[in-house]
Protein backbone atom coordinates (compact mmCIF):
# COMPACT_ATOMS: atom_id res chain seq x y z
CA MET A 1 -13.73 5.93 -56.38
CA SER A 2 -12.46 3.08 -58.56
CA GLU A 3 -10.95 5.52 -61.10
CA VAL A 4 -9.07 7.30 -58.32
CA GLN A 5 -7.79 3.93 -57.11
CA ASN A 6 -6.78 2.99 -60.66
CA ASP A 7 -4.86 6.26 -61.14
CA PHE A 8 -3.04 5.59 -57.88
CA ASN A 9 -2.22 1.97 -58.79
CA LYS A 10 -1.00 2.54 -62.36
CA PRO A 11 2.50 3.91 -61.54
CA HIS A 12 3.06 1.00 -59.14
CA LEU A 13 1.89 -1.43 -61.81
CA ARG A 14 4.34 0.05 -64.33
CA LYS A 15 7.19 -0.53 -61.90
CA SER A 16 5.98 -4.06 -61.26
CA ILE A 17 6.01 -4.81 -65.01
CA ASP A 18 9.53 -3.35 -65.26
CA ARG A 19 10.83 -5.50 -62.41
CA THR A 20 9.06 -8.63 -63.60
CA VAL A 21 10.39 -8.47 -67.16
CA ILE A 22 13.94 -7.80 -65.93
CA ALA A 23 13.68 -10.70 -63.48
CA TYR A 24 12.47 -13.02 -66.24
CA ILE A 25 15.33 -12.00 -68.54
CA VAL A 26 17.75 -12.96 -65.78
CA LEU A 27 15.81 -16.18 -65.09
CA GLN A 28 15.91 -17.28 -68.74
CA HIS A 29 19.63 -16.60 -69.00
CA ALA A 30 20.18 -18.66 -65.85
CA LEU A 31 18.03 -21.46 -67.27
CA PHE A 32 19.95 -21.45 -70.53
CA CYS A 33 23.26 -21.55 -68.67
CA ALA A 34 22.02 -24.47 -66.56
CA PHE A 35 21.73 -26.46 -69.79
CA ALA A 36 24.58 -24.93 -71.79
CA LEU A 37 27.45 -25.04 -69.30
CA PRO A 38 27.27 -28.76 -68.43
CA GLY A 39 26.10 -29.53 -71.98
CA GLY A 40 29.18 -27.90 -73.52
CA PHE A 41 27.47 -25.49 -75.94
CA PHE A 42 27.67 -22.22 -74.00
CA ARG A 43 30.18 -20.47 -76.30
CA GLU A 44 28.46 -21.66 -79.45
CA PHE A 45 24.96 -20.44 -78.62
CA PHE A 46 25.06 -17.92 -75.77
CA LEU A 47 25.47 -14.71 -77.80
CA SER A 48 22.72 -15.54 -80.30
CA PHE A 49 20.44 -16.76 -77.51
CA SER A 50 21.04 -13.63 -75.43
CA LEU A 51 20.28 -11.27 -78.33
CA ALA A 52 17.14 -13.20 -79.28
CA SER A 53 15.93 -13.37 -75.69
CA LEU A 54 16.49 -9.66 -75.13
CA ALA A 55 14.66 -8.78 -78.36
CA PHE A 56 11.77 -11.09 -77.45
CA HIS A 57 11.44 -9.70 -73.93
CA THR A 58 11.61 -6.13 -75.26
CA PHE A 59 8.67 -6.94 -77.53
CA LEU A 60 6.86 -8.62 -74.65
CA TYR A 61 7.50 -5.62 -72.38
CA THR A 62 6.11 -3.27 -75.02
CA LEU A 63 2.91 -5.31 -75.24
CA LEU A 64 2.50 -5.42 -71.46
CA ARG A 65 2.86 -1.66 -71.18
CA PHE A 66 0.48 -1.12 -74.11
CA PHE A 67 -2.23 -3.26 -72.48
CA ILE A 68 -1.58 -1.96 -68.96
CA ASP A 69 -5.22 -0.93 -68.52
CA ASP A 70 -6.25 -4.59 -68.86
CA PHE A 71 -4.43 -5.56 -65.63
CA ARG A 72 -7.66 -5.07 -63.73
CA ASN A 73 -9.82 -7.44 -61.73
CA GLU A 74 -12.74 -8.27 -64.01
CA ALA A 75 -15.05 -8.67 -61.02
CA THR A 76 -14.35 -5.24 -59.50
CA GLY A 77 -12.82 -3.20 -62.31
CA ILE A 78 -9.93 -2.20 -60.04
CA LEU A 79 -6.48 -2.02 -61.59
CA PHE A 80 -3.95 -4.17 -59.77
CA PRO A 81 -1.01 -2.27 -58.21
CA SER A 82 1.31 -5.09 -59.36
CA MET A 83 1.26 -8.13 -61.58
CA ASN A 84 -0.66 -10.85 -59.78
CA LEU A 85 0.64 -14.38 -59.30
CA ALA A 86 -1.44 -15.92 -62.09
CA ASN A 87 -0.15 -13.38 -64.63
CA ARG A 88 3.43 -14.02 -63.52
CA ILE A 89 2.99 -17.77 -64.01
CA THR A 90 1.56 -17.24 -67.50
CA LEU A 91 4.39 -14.86 -68.32
CA VAL A 92 6.96 -17.47 -67.30
CA ARG A 93 5.54 -19.79 -69.95
CA ILE A 94 5.76 -17.10 -72.63
CA SER A 95 9.20 -15.96 -71.46
CA THR A 96 10.60 -19.48 -71.90
CA LEU A 97 9.88 -19.67 -75.65
CA PRO A 98 13.28 -18.35 -76.92
CA THR A 99 15.09 -20.53 -74.39
CA LEU A 100 13.13 -23.57 -75.47
CA PHE A 101 13.87 -22.86 -79.13
CA PHE A 102 17.63 -22.64 -78.64
CA LEU A 103 17.71 -25.72 -76.45
CA VAL A 104 15.90 -27.67 -79.17
CA VAL A 105 18.47 -26.51 -81.72
CA ALA A 106 21.32 -27.48 -79.37
CA ALA A 107 19.73 -30.86 -78.68
CA ARG A 108 20.41 -31.86 -82.30
CA THR A 109 24.11 -32.12 -81.41
CA TYR A 110 24.38 -32.16 -77.63
CA ARG A 111 23.05 -34.69 -75.15
CA ILE A 112 20.32 -32.71 -73.38
CA ARG A 113 17.27 -34.60 -74.65
CA TYR A 114 16.02 -35.90 -71.30
CA PRO A 115 16.47 -32.64 -69.34
CA LEU A 116 14.76 -30.84 -72.21
CA LEU A 117 11.75 -33.13 -72.00
CA ILE A 118 11.56 -32.51 -68.25
CA LEU A 119 11.46 -28.78 -68.99
CA VAL A 120 8.60 -29.40 -71.42
CA VAL A 121 6.63 -31.21 -68.70
CA LEU A 122 7.16 -28.30 -66.31
CA ILE A 123 5.87 -25.89 -68.96
CA PHE A 124 2.77 -28.09 -69.28
CA ILE A 125 2.17 -27.82 -65.54
CA THR A 126 2.18 -24.01 -65.60
CA ASP A 127 -0.66 -24.07 -68.13
CA PHE A 128 -2.95 -25.68 -65.56
CA LEU A 129 -1.55 -23.76 -62.61
CA ASP A 130 -2.16 -20.16 -63.71
CA GLY A 131 -5.87 -20.66 -64.38
CA TYR A 132 -6.35 -22.40 -61.05
CA VAL A 133 -4.54 -19.61 -59.18
CA SER A 134 -6.49 -16.80 -60.86
CA ARG A 135 -9.85 -18.43 -60.13
CA LYS A 136 -8.92 -19.43 -56.59
CA ALA A 137 -7.78 -15.90 -55.73
CA HIS A 138 -10.68 -14.29 -57.65
CA GLN A 139 -8.16 -12.33 -59.71
CA VAL A 140 -9.23 -13.04 -63.28
CA THR A 141 -8.00 -10.32 -65.68
CA LYS A 142 -8.46 -9.62 -69.37
CA ILE A 143 -4.69 -9.43 -69.87
CA GLY A 144 -4.38 -12.79 -68.13
CA ARG A 145 -6.87 -14.40 -70.52
CA MET A 146 -5.08 -12.86 -73.51
CA MET A 147 -1.66 -14.00 -72.32
CA ASP A 148 -2.94 -17.45 -71.45
CA SER A 149 -4.41 -17.93 -74.91
CA ALA A 150 -1.32 -16.56 -76.68
CA SER A 151 1.05 -18.66 -74.56
CA ASP A 152 -1.00 -21.83 -75.09
CA TYR A 153 -0.76 -21.59 -78.86
CA SER A 154 2.83 -20.32 -78.95
CA VAL A 155 4.08 -23.10 -76.69
CA LEU A 156 2.07 -25.71 -78.58
CA ILE A 157 3.62 -24.65 -81.89
CA VAL A 158 7.13 -24.93 -80.49
CA LEU A 159 6.47 -28.21 -78.69
CA THR A 160 4.72 -29.76 -81.68
CA LEU A 161 7.80 -29.03 -83.79
CA VAL A 162 10.01 -30.40 -80.99
CA PHE A 163 8.08 -33.65 -80.72
CA ARG A 164 7.99 -34.11 -84.49
CA TYR A 165 11.73 -33.38 -84.68
CA TYR A 166 12.31 -36.27 -82.27
CA THR A 167 9.77 -38.38 -84.27
CA LEU A 168 7.65 -38.75 -81.14
CA ILE A 169 4.49 -37.84 -83.06
CA PRO A 170 3.49 -38.77 -86.63
CA THR A 171 3.54 -36.22 -89.44
CA TRP A 172 -0.27 -36.25 -89.78
CA PHE A 173 -0.63 -35.24 -86.12
CA LEU A 174 1.80 -32.35 -86.66
CA LEU A 175 -0.24 -31.11 -89.63
CA LEU A 176 -3.51 -31.42 -87.69
CA VAL A 177 -2.20 -29.38 -84.76
CA LEU A 178 -0.74 -26.71 -87.06
CA ALA A 179 -4.05 -26.54 -88.94
CA ARG A 180 -5.93 -25.97 -85.66
CA LEU A 181 -3.51 -23.27 -84.59
CA GLY A 182 -3.56 -21.66 -88.03
CA ILE A 183 -7.35 -21.41 -87.96
CA GLN A 184 -7.14 -19.79 -84.52
CA VAL A 185 -4.68 -17.16 -85.78
CA VAL A 186 -6.70 -16.37 -88.93
CA PHE A 187 -10.03 -16.05 -87.10
CA THR A 188 -8.49 -13.95 -84.32
CA ALA A 189 -6.86 -11.61 -86.85
CA ALA A 190 -10.18 -11.30 -88.71
CA LEU A 191 -12.08 -10.41 -85.53
CA ILE A 192 -9.46 -7.82 -84.57
CA ALA A 193 -9.75 -6.26 -88.03
CA ILE A 194 -13.55 -6.20 -87.80
CA ASN A 195 -13.99 -5.08 -84.18
CA LYS A 196 -10.84 -2.94 -83.96
CA ARG A 197 -10.00 -4.50 -80.60
CA ILE A 198 -8.93 -7.77 -79.05
CA GLU A 199 -11.70 -9.82 -77.49
CA THR A 200 -10.79 -13.23 -76.13
CA ARG A 201 -13.59 -15.77 -76.35
CA THR A 202 -12.50 -19.10 -74.95
CA THR A 203 -14.67 -22.11 -75.72
CA PHE A 204 -14.83 -25.40 -73.90
CA MET A 205 -13.77 -27.30 -77.01
CA GLY A 206 -10.83 -24.97 -77.51
CA LYS A 207 -9.51 -25.65 -74.02
CA ALA A 208 -10.28 -29.35 -74.44
CA ALA A 209 -8.23 -29.47 -77.64
CA ILE A 210 -5.22 -27.83 -75.98
CA ALA A 211 -5.48 -30.07 -72.92
CA SER A 212 -5.81 -33.20 -75.04
CA ILE A 213 -2.78 -32.32 -77.16
CA MET A 214 -0.81 -31.91 -73.95
CA VAL A 215 -2.05 -35.37 -72.89
CA VAL A 216 -0.57 -36.82 -76.08
CA TYR A 217 2.76 -35.14 -75.42
CA SER A 218 2.73 -36.29 -71.80
CA VAL A 219 2.09 -39.88 -72.94
CA GLU A 220 5.00 -39.60 -75.37
CA VAL A 221 7.28 -38.34 -72.59
CA LEU A 222 6.17 -41.15 -70.28
CA SER A 223 6.78 -43.64 -73.07
CA LEU A 224 10.29 -42.33 -73.55
CA ILE A 225 11.07 -42.45 -69.83
CA ALA A 226 9.48 -45.88 -69.34
CA GLY A 227 11.33 -47.33 -72.29
CA GLY A 228 8.27 -47.59 -74.47
CA LEU A 229 4.52 -48.10 -74.09
CA PRO A 230 2.35 -50.52 -76.09
CA LEU A 231 1.99 -49.20 -79.64
CA ILE A 232 -1.76 -49.74 -79.62
CA LEU A 233 -2.08 -47.47 -76.55
CA LYS A 234 -0.11 -44.64 -78.16
CA VAL A 235 -2.04 -44.90 -81.41
CA ALA A 236 -5.37 -45.00 -79.58
CA VAL A 237 -4.52 -41.85 -77.61
CA GLU A 238 -3.41 -40.04 -80.79
CA TRP A 239 -6.64 -40.88 -82.64
CA VAL A 240 -8.90 -39.96 -79.72
CA VAL A 241 -7.13 -36.62 -79.40
CA ALA A 242 -7.29 -36.12 -83.17
CA ALA A 243 -11.09 -36.50 -82.96
CA ILE A 244 -11.20 -33.88 -80.18
CA VAL A 245 -9.05 -31.48 -82.20
CA LEU A 246 -11.24 -31.93 -85.28
CA ALA A 247 -14.33 -31.26 -83.15
CA SER A 248 -12.65 -28.10 -81.82
CA ILE A 249 -12.04 -26.93 -85.40
CA VAL A 250 -15.76 -27.28 -86.16
CA ASP A 251 -16.56 -25.50 -82.88
CA LYS A 252 -14.18 -22.67 -83.78
CA VAL A 253 -15.84 -22.20 -87.18
CA VAL A 254 -19.28 -22.09 -85.53
CA SER A 255 -18.02 -19.62 -82.91
CA PHE A 256 -16.50 -17.39 -85.59
CA ALA A 257 -19.74 -17.43 -87.59
CA SER A 258 -21.64 -16.50 -84.41
CA CYS A 259 -19.31 -13.53 -83.83
CA LEU A 260 -19.91 -12.33 -87.38
CA ARG A 261 -23.69 -12.62 -86.93
CA ASP A 262 -23.50 -10.64 -83.67
CA ARG A 263 -21.43 -8.00 -85.44
CA GLY A 264 -23.98 -7.84 -88.26
CA LYS A 265 -26.88 -7.33 -85.84
CA GLY A 266 -25.05 -4.44 -84.20
CA LEU A 267 -24.63 -2.54 -87.43
């Protein structure tokens, strides 16, 4: 019965993906214009932004269609007839990456620093919102977990570079975050090569590391808005978070070793 339902839902899901990606292309162009027109850099950046955004969303669309069978409720195995709300929220975060990149480049010359930081805070909020929505509605999907993980690390890379560019975080913190993300990429690629498929395995320490890094960035934003926080408070937060990130690196190594042992037992 479930396979019949899935066959019926798949064409509707394809159309939903089509409409969603098109809507997000329009949304990102509108967001860029909201910054570029009053900021005075529309003519300088619009064409390059538009081409990059279209290329990025084409790639994103291809991935969504390729993994269409993973848009199913993990509890029931039923394929959704459309993208659920949690997946749409996660996709917004991913969709914003090219826009965020071009706005950071423009911010070097044009006065959009404060609106840009507000956008960063809103992106942070979506990271907590999508997981809450999926669990609340009992609509957890494999594609949702994959997108959530990919968006977390992609956004963190961009934002870490943004915050270092504005000298809001020290160089050592930048290197630590990039090291954590680099280890994640290498281990994930290794597991894909070994297992011939993508399996997302989220650990508590992994989520804690991401959340704690976002706390650091939130503190930096608050410091900027408030006109500065006590230096000892900022340094204390950075070192506490650094300890959490280091612990997550150890946890990731242990988790990777465990996956290899499980693979070895199955052979």
